[in-house]
Amino acid sequence: MKLCHDASTVCQGEGSQVAFHGYASGVRLKVEFTTEPFELDGFPEHAKTARRVVDEAGLSVDVGPFGTSAEGTAEQTLAAIDRLVRETLAHGATRISLQVSVVGEDGEPIADREGAG
């Protein structure tokens, strides 16, 4: 297991796993996202593309009324974010809002626990 030593560093752990400062390789990430423009009378192509990308990445997906969240290993999630941004822009998105959180062993974003203190 390899840990990073600089808070701004994303480094390679054992194998191809990504490690983040203070976290062992194999960390899980949750991405929450929306794409715009919104269409009230249909499902825009960029939104269909975003859903396809996270499904194809093998992430656990939850679609909500104000956005979509997807969770997986750091490797899966980071690769999906790259594809999501590129492909949704190519399919007409004019804005993509993203929030990425490190997920703890309890399945909840670590930042949510830290803020609750």
N, C-alpha and C. Protein backbone atom coordinates (compact mmCIF):
# COMPACT_ATOMS: atom_id res chain seq x y z
N MET A 1 0.84 -1.16 0.00
CA MET A 1 0.00 0.00 0.00
C MET A 1 0.89 1.23 0.00
N LYS A 2 0.58 2.21 -0.86
CA LYS A 2 1.37 3.42 -0.95
C LYS A 2 0.50 4.62 -0.60
N LEU A 3 1.02 5.50 0.23
CA LEU A 3 0.32 6.73 0.55
C LEU A 3 1.06 7.90 -0.08
N CYS A 4 0.32 8.94 -0.45
CA CYS A 4 0.94 10.14 -0.97
C CYS A 4 1.39 11.01 0.20
N HIS A 5 2.35 11.86 -0.04
CA HIS A 5 2.90 12.69 1.03
C HIS A 5 2.61 14.17 0.85
N ASP A 6 1.95 14.55 -0.22
CA ASP A 6 1.66 15.95 -0.51
C ASP A 6 0.16 16.06 -0.72
N ALA A 7 -0.51 16.96 -0.01
CA ALA A 7 -1.97 17.07 -0.09
C ALA A 7 -2.46 17.36 -1.49
N SER A 8 -1.64 17.94 -2.34
CA SER A 8 -2.08 18.26 -3.69
C SER A 8 -1.77 17.14 -4.67
N THR A 9 -1.29 16.02 -4.18
CA THR A 9 -0.81 14.95 -5.05
C THR A 9 -1.83 13.85 -5.22
N VAL A 10 -1.99 13.43 -6.43
CA VAL A 10 -2.66 12.18 -6.75
C VAL A 10 -1.55 11.30 -7.30
N CYS A 11 -1.33 10.14 -6.69
CA CYS A 11 -0.21 9.32 -7.13
C CYS A 11 -0.65 7.89 -7.36
N GLN A 12 0.17 7.15 -8.05
CA GLN A 12 -0.10 5.75 -8.32
C GLN A 12 0.22 4.92 -7.09
N GLY A 13 -0.68 4.06 -6.72
CA GLY A 13 -0.45 3.10 -5.65
C GLY A 13 0.04 1.80 -6.24
N GLU A 14 -0.18 0.70 -5.54
CA GLU A 14 0.22 -0.60 -6.05
C GLU A 14 -0.59 -0.90 -7.30
N GLY A 15 0.01 -1.53 -8.27
CA GLY A 15 -0.68 -1.81 -9.51
C GLY A 15 -1.05 -0.52 -10.19
N SER A 16 -2.28 -0.43 -10.66
CA SER A 16 -2.72 0.79 -11.34
C SER A 16 -3.66 1.60 -10.47
N GLN A 17 -3.80 1.26 -9.19
CA GLN A 17 -4.72 1.98 -8.33
C GLN A 17 -4.20 3.37 -8.00
N VAL A 18 -5.13 4.30 -7.84
CA VAL A 18 -4.80 5.67 -7.51
C VAL A 18 -4.90 5.85 -6.00
N ALA A 19 -3.94 6.54 -5.41
CA ALA A 19 -3.97 6.85 -3.98
C ALA A 19 -4.02 8.37 -3.82
N PHE A 20 -4.68 8.84 -2.78
CA PHE A 20 -4.79 10.25 -2.49
C PHE A 20 -4.18 10.51 -1.14
N HIS A 21 -3.71 11.71 -0.93
CA HIS A 21 -3.08 12.08 0.34
C HIS A 21 -3.92 11.58 1.52
N GLY A 22 -3.31 10.80 2.37
CA GLY A 22 -3.98 10.32 3.56
C GLY A 22 -4.88 9.13 3.36
N TYR A 23 -5.04 8.65 2.16
CA TYR A 23 -5.92 7.51 1.88
C TYR A 23 -5.13 6.43 1.17
N ALA A 24 -5.38 5.20 1.54
CA ALA A 24 -4.73 4.07 0.88
C ALA A 24 -5.28 3.91 -0.53
N SER A 25 -4.52 3.22 -1.36
CA SER A 25 -5.02 2.94 -2.71
C SER A 25 -6.31 2.13 -2.59
N GLY A 26 -7.15 2.21 -3.59
CA GLY A 26 -8.43 1.52 -3.56
C GLY A 26 -9.55 2.38 -3.02
N VAL A 27 -9.31 3.66 -2.81
CA VAL A 27 -10.32 4.58 -2.30
C VAL A 27 -11.51 4.62 -3.27
N ARG A 28 -12.71 4.85 -2.71
CA ARG A 28 -13.91 4.98 -3.53
C ARG A 28 -14.29 6.45 -3.63
N LEU A 29 -14.85 6.81 -4.79
CA LEU A 29 -15.28 8.18 -5.03
C LEU A 29 -16.75 8.18 -5.44
N LYS A 30 -17.41 9.28 -5.10
CA LYS A 30 -18.79 9.51 -5.53
C LYS A 30 -18.81 10.80 -6.32
N VAL A 31 -19.38 10.76 -7.51
CA VAL A 31 -19.53 11.95 -8.32
C VAL A 31 -21.02 12.25 -8.44
N GLU A 32 -21.37 13.51 -8.22
CA GLU A 32 -22.73 13.97 -8.43
C GLU A 32 -22.68 14.98 -9.57
N PHE A 33 -23.59 14.87 -10.51
CA PHE A 33 -23.50 15.74 -11.68
C PHE A 33 -24.87 16.07 -12.27
N THR A 34 -24.89 17.21 -12.96
CA THR A 34 -26.02 17.60 -13.80
C THR A 34 -25.44 18.14 -15.10
N THR A 35 -26.21 17.99 -16.16
CA THR A 35 -25.83 18.58 -17.44
C THR A 35 -26.95 19.52 -17.87
N GLU A 36 -26.58 20.56 -18.57
CA GLU A 36 -27.54 21.54 -19.06
C GLU A 36 -27.30 21.78 -20.53
N PRO A 37 -28.27 22.27 -21.28
CA PRO A 37 -29.53 22.85 -20.83
C PRO A 37 -30.56 21.77 -20.48
N PHE A 38 -31.46 22.13 -19.54
CA PHE A 38 -32.56 21.26 -19.16
C PHE A 38 -33.63 21.33 -20.24
N GLU A 39 -34.33 20.25 -20.43
CA GLU A 39 -35.47 20.22 -21.34
C GLU A 39 -36.65 19.63 -20.59
N LEU A 40 -37.71 20.38 -20.47
CA LEU A 40 -38.87 19.93 -19.71
C LEU A 40 -39.70 18.88 -20.44
N ASP A 41 -39.66 18.90 -21.76
CA ASP A 41 -40.51 17.98 -22.51
C ASP A 41 -39.73 16.85 -23.19
N GLY A 42 -38.58 16.52 -22.66
CA GLY A 42 -37.82 15.42 -23.24
C GLY A 42 -36.54 15.17 -22.47
N PHE A 43 -35.85 14.15 -22.88
CA PHE A 43 -34.58 13.77 -22.27
C PHE A 43 -33.48 14.11 -23.27
N PRO A 44 -32.72 15.20 -23.06
CA PRO A 44 -31.76 15.64 -24.06
C PRO A 44 -30.65 14.61 -24.31
N GLU A 45 -30.09 14.67 -25.49
CA GLU A 45 -29.05 13.73 -25.88
C GLU A 45 -27.85 13.77 -24.93
N HIS A 46 -27.47 14.96 -24.45
CA HIS A 46 -26.33 15.04 -23.53
C HIS A 46 -26.62 14.32 -22.22
N ALA A 47 -27.87 14.35 -21.76
CA ALA A 47 -28.24 13.65 -20.52
C ALA A 47 -28.22 12.13 -20.74
N LYS A 48 -28.71 11.69 -21.88
CA LYS A 48 -28.65 10.25 -22.21
C LYS A 48 -27.20 9.79 -22.28
N THR A 49 -26.35 10.63 -22.85
CA THR A 49 -24.92 10.30 -22.97
C THR A 49 -24.28 10.19 -21.59
N ALA A 50 -24.58 11.12 -20.70
CA ALA A 50 -24.01 11.08 -19.35
C ALA A 50 -24.40 9.79 -18.64
N ARG A 51 -25.65 9.41 -18.73
CA ARG A 51 -26.11 8.17 -18.08
C ARG A 51 -25.43 6.94 -18.69
N ARG A 52 -25.30 6.92 -20.01
CA ARG A 52 -24.64 5.80 -20.68
C ARG A 52 -23.20 5.67 -20.21
N VAL A 53 -22.50 6.79 -20.09
CA VAL A 53 -21.08 6.77 -19.70
C VAL A 53 -20.91 6.16 -18.31
N VAL A 54 -21.71 6.60 -17.33
CA VAL A 54 -21.54 6.06 -15.97
C VAL A 54 -21.97 4.61 -15.89
N ASP A 55 -22.99 4.23 -16.67
CA ASP A 55 -23.39 2.82 -16.71
C ASP A 55 -22.28 1.96 -17.30
N GLU A 56 -21.71 2.40 -18.42
CA GLU A 56 -20.64 1.63 -19.08
C GLU A 56 -19.39 1.55 -18.22
N ALA A 57 -19.18 2.52 -17.33
CA ALA A 57 -18.01 2.51 -16.44
C ALA A 57 -18.17 1.50 -15.30
N GLY A 58 -19.36 0.97 -15.13
CA GLY A 58 -19.60 0.01 -14.07
C GLY A 58 -19.84 0.64 -12.71
N LEU A 59 -20.21 1.93 -12.71
CA LEU A 59 -20.46 2.62 -11.45
C LEU A 59 -21.86 2.30 -10.93
N SER A 60 -22.02 2.43 -9.63
CA SER A 60 -23.33 2.31 -9.00
C SER A 60 -24.03 3.66 -9.20
N VAL A 61 -25.18 3.68 -9.86
CA VAL A 61 -25.82 4.93 -10.29
C VAL A 61 -27.14 5.14 -9.56
N ASP A 62 -27.40 6.40 -9.16
CA ASP A 62 -28.66 6.80 -8.56
C ASP A 62 -29.11 8.07 -9.26
N VAL A 63 -30.26 8.01 -9.91
CA VAL A 63 -30.81 9.17 -10.62
C VAL A 63 -31.83 9.84 -9.72
N GLY A 64 -31.63 11.13 -9.47
CA GLY A 64 -32.55 11.90 -8.63
C GLY A 64 -33.21 13.00 -9.42
N PRO A 65 -34.09 13.76 -8.78
CA PRO A 65 -34.83 14.81 -9.48
C PRO A 65 -33.96 16.01 -9.88
N PHE A 66 -32.83 16.21 -9.20
CA PHE A 66 -31.99 17.37 -9.48
C PHE A 66 -30.62 17.01 -10.01
N GLY A 67 -30.36 15.72 -10.20
CA GLY A 67 -29.07 15.30 -10.71
C GLY A 67 -28.88 13.81 -10.54
N THR A 68 -27.72 13.36 -10.91
CA THR A 68 -27.39 11.95 -10.88
C THR A 68 -26.13 11.77 -10.04
N SER A 69 -26.07 10.69 -9.28
CA SER A 69 -24.84 10.37 -8.56
C SER A 69 -24.38 8.99 -9.00
N ALA A 70 -23.07 8.81 -8.98
CA ALA A 70 -22.48 7.53 -9.36
C ALA A 70 -21.27 7.30 -8.48
N GLU A 71 -21.06 6.04 -8.08
CA GLU A 71 -19.98 5.72 -7.17
C GLU A 71 -19.23 4.49 -7.66
N GLY A 72 -17.91 4.53 -7.44
CA GLY A 72 -17.08 3.39 -7.78
C GLY A 72 -15.67 3.60 -7.28
N THR A 73 -14.76 2.75 -7.73
CA THR A 73 -13.37 2.93 -7.35
C THR A 73 -12.87 4.24 -7.94
N ALA A 74 -11.77 4.74 -7.39
CA ALA A 74 -11.21 5.99 -7.91
C ALA A 74 -10.89 5.86 -9.40
N GLU A 75 -10.33 4.72 -9.79
CA GLU A 75 -9.96 4.53 -11.20
C GLU A 75 -11.18 4.59 -12.09
N GLN A 76 -12.24 3.85 -11.72
CA GLN A 76 -13.47 3.85 -12.51
C GLN A 76 -14.09 5.24 -12.58
N THR A 77 -14.18 5.89 -11.43
CA THR A 77 -14.89 7.16 -11.34
C THR A 77 -14.15 8.26 -12.09
N LEU A 78 -12.83 8.33 -11.92
CA LEU A 78 -12.06 9.37 -12.62
C LEU A 78 -12.11 9.18 -14.13
N ALA A 79 -12.03 7.94 -14.58
CA ALA A 79 -12.13 7.67 -16.02
C ALA A 79 -13.51 8.05 -16.54
N ALA A 80 -14.55 7.74 -15.76
CA ALA A 80 -15.91 8.08 -16.17
C ALA A 80 -16.12 9.59 -16.23
N ILE A 81 -15.54 10.33 -15.27
CA ILE A 81 -15.68 11.79 -15.28
C ILE A 81 -15.06 12.37 -16.54
N ASP A 82 -13.89 11.90 -16.91
CA ASP A 82 -13.24 12.38 -18.13
C ASP A 82 -14.13 12.13 -19.34
N ARG A 83 -14.62 10.92 -19.47
CA ARG A 83 -15.52 10.59 -20.60
C ARG A 83 -16.81 11.39 -20.54
N LEU A 84 -17.38 11.53 -19.34
CA LEU A 84 -18.64 12.24 -19.18
C LEU A 84 -18.51 13.68 -19.67
N VAL A 85 -17.48 14.37 -19.25
CA VAL A 85 -17.29 15.76 -19.66
C VAL A 85 -17.10 15.85 -21.18
N ARG A 86 -16.21 15.06 -21.70
CA ARG A 86 -15.94 15.12 -23.15
C ARG A 86 -17.16 14.76 -23.99
N GLU A 87 -17.82 13.67 -23.64
CA GLU A 87 -18.92 13.18 -24.48
C GLU A 87 -20.20 13.98 -24.33
N THR A 88 -20.49 14.49 -23.13
CA THR A 88 -21.70 15.31 -23.00
C THR A 88 -21.54 16.66 -23.71
N LEU A 89 -20.34 17.22 -23.66
CA LEU A 89 -20.10 18.45 -24.43
C LEU A 89 -20.27 18.18 -25.92
N ALA A 90 -19.78 17.05 -26.37
CA ALA A 90 -19.91 16.69 -27.79
C ALA A 90 -21.37 16.45 -28.19
N HIS A 91 -22.24 16.18 -27.22
CA HIS A 91 -23.65 15.92 -27.50
C HIS A 91 -24.55 17.07 -27.06
N GLY A 92 -24.00 18.29 -26.95
CA GLY A 92 -24.83 19.46 -26.77
C GLY A 92 -24.91 20.08 -25.39
N ALA A 93 -24.21 19.52 -24.40
CA ALA A 93 -24.24 20.14 -23.08
C ALA A 93 -23.54 21.50 -23.15
N THR A 94 -24.14 22.48 -22.50
CA THR A 94 -23.52 23.81 -22.42
C THR A 94 -22.97 24.10 -21.03
N ARG A 95 -23.32 23.25 -20.06
CA ARG A 95 -22.80 23.36 -18.70
C ARG A 95 -22.86 21.99 -18.05
N ILE A 96 -21.81 21.65 -17.32
CA ILE A 96 -21.76 20.40 -16.57
C ILE A 96 -21.33 20.76 -15.16
N SER A 97 -22.16 20.44 -14.19
CA SER A 97 -21.83 20.70 -12.79
C SER A 97 -21.45 19.37 -12.15
N LEU A 98 -20.29 19.36 -11.48
CA LEU A 98 -19.77 18.14 -10.86
C LEU A 98 -19.39 18.39 -9.41
N GLN A 99 -19.62 17.40 -8.59
CA GLN A 99 -19.08 17.39 -7.23
C GLN A 99 -18.52 15.99 -7.01
N VAL A 100 -17.26 15.91 -6.57
CA VAL A 100 -16.62 14.63 -6.34
C VAL A 100 -16.29 14.53 -4.85
N SER A 101 -16.67 13.41 -4.24
CA SER A 101 -16.43 13.19 -2.81
C SER A 101 -15.71 11.86 -2.60
N VAL A 102 -14.82 11.84 -1.61
CA VAL A 102 -14.20 10.60 -1.16
C VAL A 102 -15.21 9.91 -0.26
N VAL A 103 -15.43 8.62 -0.50
CA VAL A 103 -16.42 7.86 0.25
C VAL A 103 -15.72 7.02 1.31
N GLY A 104 -16.24 7.06 2.53
CA GLY A 104 -15.68 6.29 3.63
C GLY A 104 -16.13 4.84 3.59
N GLU A 105 -15.60 4.06 4.50
CA GLU A 105 -15.95 2.64 4.57
C GLU A 105 -17.43 2.43 4.88
N ASP A 106 -18.09 3.43 5.48
CA ASP A 106 -19.51 3.32 5.79
C ASP A 106 -20.40 3.66 4.59
N GLY A 107 -19.78 4.00 3.46
CA GLY A 107 -20.53 4.31 2.25
C GLY A 107 -20.98 5.75 2.15
N GLU A 108 -20.64 6.57 3.13
CA GLU A 108 -21.02 7.98 3.13
C GLU A 108 -19.82 8.86 2.80
N PRO A 109 -20.05 9.98 2.10
CA PRO A 109 -18.94 10.89 1.82
C PRO A 109 -18.27 11.36 3.11
N ILE A 110 -16.95 11.32 3.15
CA ILE A 110 -16.20 11.70 4.33
C ILE A 110 -16.46 13.16 4.69
N ALA A 111 -16.59 14.02 3.71
CA ALA A 111 -16.84 15.45 3.97
C ALA A 111 -18.15 15.66 4.72
N ASP A 112 -19.15 14.81 4.50
CA ASP A 112 -20.41 14.94 5.21
C ASP A 112 -20.22 14.68 6.70
N ARG A 113 -19.38 13.70 7.04
CA ARG A 113 -19.10 13.40 8.45
C ARG A 113 -18.32 14.52 9.09
N GLU A 114 -17.34 15.06 8.37
CA GLU A 114 -16.49 16.12 8.93
C GLU A 114 -17.29 17.37 9.24
N GLY A 115 -18.26 17.68 8.40
CA GLY A 115 -19.08 18.87 8.59
C GLY A 115 -20.10 18.72 9.69
N ALA A 116 -20.40 17.47 10.07
CA ALA A 116 -21.44 17.23 11.07
C ALA A 116 -20.92 17.38 12.49
N GLY A 117 -19.56 17.44 12.66
CA GLY A 117 -18.91 17.44 13.95
C GLY A 117 -19.33 18.49 14.85
